[in-house]
Amino acid sequence: MSESAVKFENYLAGILVILVASPGVILNSSSAVMLAHIKTLKGSFAALCITNCCVNLTILLIFIGWAAPSLFLGRNPTGGLLNRIISQVAFALWLGSVNCQTLLASNRFIAIFFPLKYDKIYSKNNVAIYLALFVSITIIAPSIGFQDGCNLFFDAQSFVWLFNPAPCGSTMFFWMGFIYEIVVFVVVIILDSAIFMKLRLINKHHARMSVENQKKLVQDKRFFWQAFLTNVNFMFVLLNFNVSRMFVQTRFGGFVVVTIVWELGHTLDGLILVLSNREIRKRFFSPNQWMNESTSGFAKSKISTVTRSTAHSTHYIAHYRRRTVHQ
């Protein structure tokens, strides 16, 4: 391949990375902000979704800020410390996104099978503990990659993320990049299957439910399908990263099934969240309405604060006058 053709392919790959990641940055960042501010979406499931959005967002920013420039430059910084650090962070976040699927599926499982215990199991304190464990596992597990020969790195020459070909890297890829993820997704599939069967049984008695329980059932169905589609999305990414790449012979083909599919998974995850939640969807496609609501809420907060301050001042003045009269 001529030098000009190589440069063209490098630039094309870099542009594709940015084009695929940019919508994901917008979708995930917007969803995280909206989930944090919409009162009707407060709760443990929303907290887990916000965590998932933040993981997606950070990974996509790594693609834009590190993978794309490396492709444009055509350099292969595989031996650099910075490349190792950024690549291990990306791998840690990928494992984090995998773990998020387990948290989301287990959350829906508890909500459907143990609705009376749900609030206790997913209280604010317990959710904080779950997220702390999630962060700890996400950070500790890939730390092995900082040892020589164990690291993941982005190879600008082959356009893909690779594990070090040394024995340690191959072992890490097999156990953490394949077996661990397969086990997680098998658990998620079992949970999703159980939830689906339970929802079918509940749906048969839909007509005899109270209006409140019918609304809860609709919400549970929507949350289930959101979690299910997210799991299918990440299973597709996993299969491409571990299986499809073995059947691709060209550099650009490998780039598509590994690099593009990886970042596409995080972009689609944000899209699934937006499309699955009416409150987020309504505000995402009508940003002016959301801004007006936010401004209105801020104004009401200020008015409330001023009202309380005025009431306090009036009370103080009245109290002072009474004391003056008595004196």
Foldseek 3Di string as FASTA:
>chain_A
DDPVVLLVLLLVLLVLLCVLLVLLLVLLVLLLVCLVPDPVNDFLLSVLSNVLSVLLNVLSVCSNVPLSVCSNVLDFPFVDPVQQVSQLLNLLSLVLNLVSLLVLLVLLLCCLPPVVCNCVCRPPVNSVVVVVVSVVCSVPVSPVQVDPQQTWGQGSNLLFIAFRPPPNNVVCCPVVVAVVSVVSLVVSVVSLVVSVVSLVVVVVCLVVDDPVVNVVSVVSVLSSVLSVVLSVLVVQLSCLQPPVLVVDDDSVVNNCSHVVSVSNSSSVNSVSSLVSDPVNVVCVVVVVVVVVVVVVVVVVVVVVVVVVVVVVVVVVVVVVVVVVVVD
